[in-house]
Amino acid sequence: MNELVINKMNLADLEKISTNLINDFDDFWNINILKSELENKFSQYIVAKYNEEIVGFAGIIDTVEQFEITNIVVKKNYRRKRNWK
């Protein structure tokens, strides 16, 4: 089934991308940064899955008066795709 699904990120998702995080996404990301963000009660992360493969993730942080988007990350081989079929 060719379907893009958005879910809240969990530790199991983090484990799935941990081995390829730097190569498939960008060299800024590492497992420790994302794990600390998942454990932070003021931040929330979501994952985008296409055919069960994690193809992206995004984070927001809840400040006292507003929400801030901290990042939007797309897997390198899915960037600039216009047709997901």
N, C-alpha and C. Protein backbone atom coordinates (compact mmCIF):
# COMPACT_ATOMS: atom_id res chain seq x y z
N MET A 1 0.83 -1.17 0.00
CA MET A 1 0.00 0.00 0.00
C MET A 1 0.89 1.24 0.00
N ASN A 2 0.72 2.11 -0.97
CA ASN A 2 1.50 3.35 -1.06
C ASN A 2 0.78 4.44 -0.28
N GLU A 3 1.21 4.62 0.95
CA GLU A 3 0.52 5.55 1.81
C GLU A 3 1.50 6.27 2.73
N LEU A 4 1.35 7.57 2.85
CA LEU A 4 2.14 8.37 3.77
C LEU A 4 1.34 8.49 5.06
N VAL A 5 1.95 8.08 6.18
CA VAL A 5 1.29 8.09 7.48
C VAL A 5 2.12 8.92 8.44
N ILE A 6 1.45 9.75 9.22
CA ILE A 6 2.11 10.59 10.22
C ILE A 6 1.71 10.09 11.60
N ASN A 7 2.70 9.82 12.45
CA ASN A 7 2.46 9.36 13.82
C ASN A 7 3.39 10.09 14.78
N LYS A 8 3.03 10.03 16.06
CA LYS A 8 3.92 10.54 17.08
C LYS A 8 5.15 9.64 17.15
N MET A 9 6.34 10.23 17.22
CA MET A 9 7.58 9.46 17.28
C MET A 9 7.70 8.80 18.65
N ASN A 10 8.19 7.56 18.66
CA ASN A 10 8.46 6.86 19.90
C ASN A 10 9.86 6.27 19.86
N LEU A 11 10.28 5.65 20.94
CA LEU A 11 11.64 5.11 21.01
C LEU A 11 11.86 3.99 19.99
N ALA A 12 10.83 3.23 19.67
CA ALA A 12 10.96 2.18 18.65
C ALA A 12 11.28 2.81 17.28
N ASP A 13 10.64 3.93 16.97
CA ASP A 13 10.94 4.64 15.72
C ASP A 13 12.38 5.12 15.72
N LEU A 14 12.80 5.63 16.85
CA LEU A 14 14.17 6.13 16.97
C LEU A 14 15.18 5.01 16.75
N GLU A 15 14.90 3.84 17.28
CA GLU A 15 15.79 2.69 17.08
C GLU A 15 15.86 2.30 15.61
N LYS A 16 14.74 2.40 14.89
CA LYS A 16 14.71 2.04 13.47
C LYS A 16 15.62 2.93 12.62
N ILE A 17 15.68 4.20 12.97
CA ILE A 17 16.49 5.12 12.16
C ILE A 17 17.89 5.34 12.71
N SER A 18 18.18 4.82 13.89
CA SER A 18 19.45 5.14 14.56
C SER A 18 20.68 4.69 13.78
N THR A 19 20.62 3.56 13.13
CA THR A 19 21.81 3.06 12.43
C THR A 19 22.11 3.84 11.16
N ASN A 20 21.09 4.45 10.57
CA ASN A 20 21.27 5.18 9.32
C ASN A 20 20.99 6.66 9.45
N LEU A 21 20.91 7.14 10.67
CA LEU A 21 20.50 8.52 10.89
C LEU A 21 21.39 9.52 10.18
N ILE A 22 22.68 9.42 10.34
CA ILE A 22 23.61 10.39 9.74
C ILE A 22 23.65 10.26 8.23
N ASN A 23 23.69 9.05 7.70
CA ASN A 23 23.78 8.85 6.25
C ASN A 23 22.49 9.18 5.52
N ASP A 24 21.35 8.80 6.10
CA ASP A 24 20.08 8.96 5.40
C ASP A 24 19.43 10.32 5.60
N PHE A 25 19.77 10.99 6.68
CA PHE A 25 19.15 12.28 6.95
C PHE A 25 20.21 13.38 6.84
N ASP A 26 20.85 13.78 7.90
CA ASP A 26 21.91 14.78 7.85
C ASP A 26 22.88 14.52 9.00
N ASP A 27 24.07 15.05 8.89
CA ASP A 27 25.08 14.75 9.91
C ASP A 27 24.89 15.50 11.22
N PHE A 28 23.92 16.41 11.30
CA PHE A 28 23.63 17.08 12.56
C PHE A 28 22.99 16.13 13.56
N TRP A 29 22.17 15.22 13.04
CA TRP A 29 21.35 14.39 13.91
C TRP A 29 22.14 13.23 14.48
N ASN A 30 21.94 12.97 15.75
CA ASN A 30 22.46 11.74 16.33
C ASN A 30 21.44 11.21 17.32
N ILE A 31 21.61 9.98 17.67
CA ILE A 31 20.64 9.28 18.51
C ILE A 31 20.47 9.96 19.86
N ASN A 32 21.55 10.49 20.42
CA ASN A 32 21.46 11.11 21.74
C ASN A 32 20.64 12.40 21.73
N ILE A 33 20.81 13.20 20.69
CA ILE A 33 20.03 14.44 20.57
C ILE A 33 18.54 14.10 20.47
N LEU A 34 18.20 13.19 19.59
CA LEU A 34 16.79 12.86 19.42
C LEU A 34 16.20 12.19 20.64
N LYS A 35 16.96 11.34 21.29
CA LYS A 35 16.45 10.67 22.49
C LYS A 35 16.18 11.69 23.59
N SER A 36 17.08 12.65 23.76
CA SER A 36 16.84 13.68 24.78
C SER A 36 15.63 14.54 24.42
N GLU A 37 15.41 14.78 23.13
CA GLU A 37 14.23 15.53 22.71
C GLU A 37 12.95 14.74 22.98
N LEU A 38 12.98 13.44 22.75
CA LEU A 38 11.79 12.62 23.03
C LEU A 38 11.48 12.58 24.52
N GLU A 39 12.50 12.65 25.34
CA GLU A 39 12.32 12.61 26.80
C GLU A 39 11.97 13.98 27.38
N ASN A 40 12.13 15.04 26.61
CA ASN A 40 11.82 16.39 27.07
C ASN A 40 10.30 16.58 27.05
N LYS A 41 9.72 16.92 28.20
CA LYS A 41 8.26 17.04 28.28
C LYS A 41 7.72 18.23 27.49
N PHE A 42 8.58 19.15 27.08
CA PHE A 42 8.14 20.32 26.33
C PHE A 42 8.28 20.15 24.82
N SER A 43 8.85 19.06 24.37
CA SER A 43 8.99 18.86 22.93
C SER A 43 8.20 17.64 22.48
N GLN A 44 7.77 17.69 21.23
CA GLN A 44 7.05 16.58 20.63
C GLN A 44 7.61 16.35 19.23
N TYR A 45 7.74 15.10 18.87
CA TYR A 45 8.23 14.74 17.54
C TYR A 45 7.23 13.84 16.85
N ILE A 46 7.14 14.01 15.54
CA ILE A 46 6.32 13.14 14.71
C ILE A 46 7.21 12.50 13.66
N VAL A 47 6.77 11.37 13.14
CA VAL A 47 7.48 10.71 12.04
C VAL A 47 6.53 10.56 10.86
N ALA A 48 7.09 10.63 9.68
CA ALA A 48 6.36 10.36 8.44
C ALA A 48 6.84 9.02 7.94
N LYS A 49 5.91 8.11 7.71
CA LYS A 49 6.24 6.77 7.21
C LYS A 49 5.56 6.57 5.86
N TYR A 50 6.36 6.09 4.92
CA TYR A 50 5.85 5.76 3.59
C TYR A 50 6.11 4.27 3.39
N ASN A 51 5.04 3.51 3.24
CA ASN A 51 5.16 2.05 3.15
C ASN A 51 5.97 1.48 4.32
N GLU A 52 5.67 1.96 5.52
CA GLU A 52 6.30 1.51 6.77
C GLU A 52 7.75 1.97 6.94
N GLU A 53 8.31 2.67 5.98
CA GLU A 53 9.67 3.19 6.08
C GLU A 53 9.62 4.62 6.60
N ILE A 54 10.43 4.94 7.59
CA ILE A 54 10.48 6.30 8.11
C ILE A 54 11.21 7.17 7.10
N VAL A 55 10.49 8.15 6.56
CA VAL A 55 11.06 9.01 5.52
C VAL A 55 11.25 10.44 6.00
N GLY A 56 10.83 10.73 7.21
CA GLY A 56 11.01 12.07 7.74
C GLY A 56 10.54 12.18 9.17
N PHE A 57 10.94 13.27 9.78
CA PHE A 57 10.46 13.57 11.12
C PHE A 57 10.50 15.07 11.35
N ALA A 58 9.73 15.50 12.34
CA ALA A 58 9.66 16.92 12.67
C ALA A 58 9.46 17.07 14.17
N GLY A 59 9.91 18.20 14.68
CA GLY A 59 9.78 18.44 16.10
C GLY A 59 9.22 19.82 16.39
N ILE A 60 8.50 19.90 17.50
CA ILE A 60 8.04 21.19 17.99
C ILE A 60 8.35 21.26 19.48
N ILE A 61 8.51 22.46 19.96
CA ILE A 61 8.73 22.67 21.38
C ILE A 61 7.65 23.63 21.88
N ASP A 62 7.13 23.32 23.04
CA ASP A 62 6.08 24.11 23.66
C ASP A 62 6.71 25.10 24.62
N THR A 63 6.79 26.36 24.19
CA THR A 63 7.26 27.39 25.11
C THR A 63 6.03 27.91 25.85
N VAL A 64 6.23 28.78 26.77
CA VAL A 64 5.12 29.23 27.61
C VAL A 64 3.98 29.83 26.80
N GLU A 65 4.29 30.61 25.81
CA GLU A 65 3.25 31.32 25.07
C GLU A 65 3.04 30.86 23.64
N GLN A 66 3.87 29.95 23.15
CA GLN A 66 3.75 29.56 21.75
C GLN A 66 4.41 28.21 21.50
N PHE A 67 4.14 27.67 20.33
CA PHE A 67 4.83 26.47 19.86
C PHE A 67 5.85 26.90 18.83
N GLU A 68 7.01 26.29 18.85
CA GLU A 68 8.04 26.58 17.85
C GLU A 68 8.39 25.29 17.12
N ILE A 69 8.47 25.38 15.79
CA ILE A 69 8.94 24.24 15.01
C ILE A 69 10.45 24.22 15.14
N THR A 70 10.99 23.14 15.66
CA THR A 70 12.44 23.07 15.85
C THR A 70 13.13 22.51 14.62
N ASN A 71 12.46 21.63 13.89
CA ASN A 71 13.07 21.07 12.68
C ASN A 71 12.05 20.31 11.87
N ILE A 72 12.34 20.19 10.61
CA ILE A 72 11.63 19.31 9.69
C ILE A 72 12.72 18.62 8.87
N VAL A 73 12.78 17.31 8.95
CA VAL A 73 13.87 16.56 8.32
C VAL A 73 13.27 15.49 7.40
N VAL A 74 13.78 15.42 6.18
CA VAL A 74 13.33 14.43 5.20
C VAL A 74 14.53 13.59 4.78
N LYS A 75 14.30 12.31 4.68
CA LYS A 75 15.34 11.39 4.24
C LYS A 75 15.88 11.84 2.88
N LYS A 76 17.18 11.78 2.71
CA LYS A 76 17.82 12.34 1.51
C LYS A 76 17.22 11.84 0.20
N ASN A 77 16.97 10.55 0.10
CA ASN A 77 16.47 10.03 -1.18
C ASN A 77 14.98 10.28 -1.40
N TYR A 78 14.31 10.96 -0.46
CA TYR A 78 12.91 11.35 -0.64
C TYR A 78 12.75 12.86 -0.82
N ARG A 79 13.83 13.59 -0.77
CA ARG A 79 13.75 15.04 -0.93
C ARG A 79 13.44 15.39 -2.38
N ARG A 80 12.69 16.45 -2.56
CA ARG A 80 12.33 17.00 -3.87
C ARG A 80 11.50 16.04 -4.73
N LYS A 81 10.84 15.09 -4.10
CA LYS A 81 9.95 14.20 -4.85
C LYS A 81 8.62 14.91 -5.04
N ARG A 82 8.15 14.85 -6.25
CA ARG A 82 6.87 15.48 -6.53
C ARG A 82 5.75 14.45 -6.59
N ASN A 83 6.10 13.23 -6.85
CA ASN A 83 5.11 12.18 -6.96
C ASN A 83 5.50 11.02 -6.06
N TRP A 84 4.69 10.72 -5.08
CA TRP A 84 5.02 9.68 -4.11
C TRP A 84 4.56 8.31 -4.54
N LYS A 85 4.11 8.15 -5.77
CA LYS A 85 3.63 6.84 -6.21
C LYS A 85 4.73 6.07 -6.88
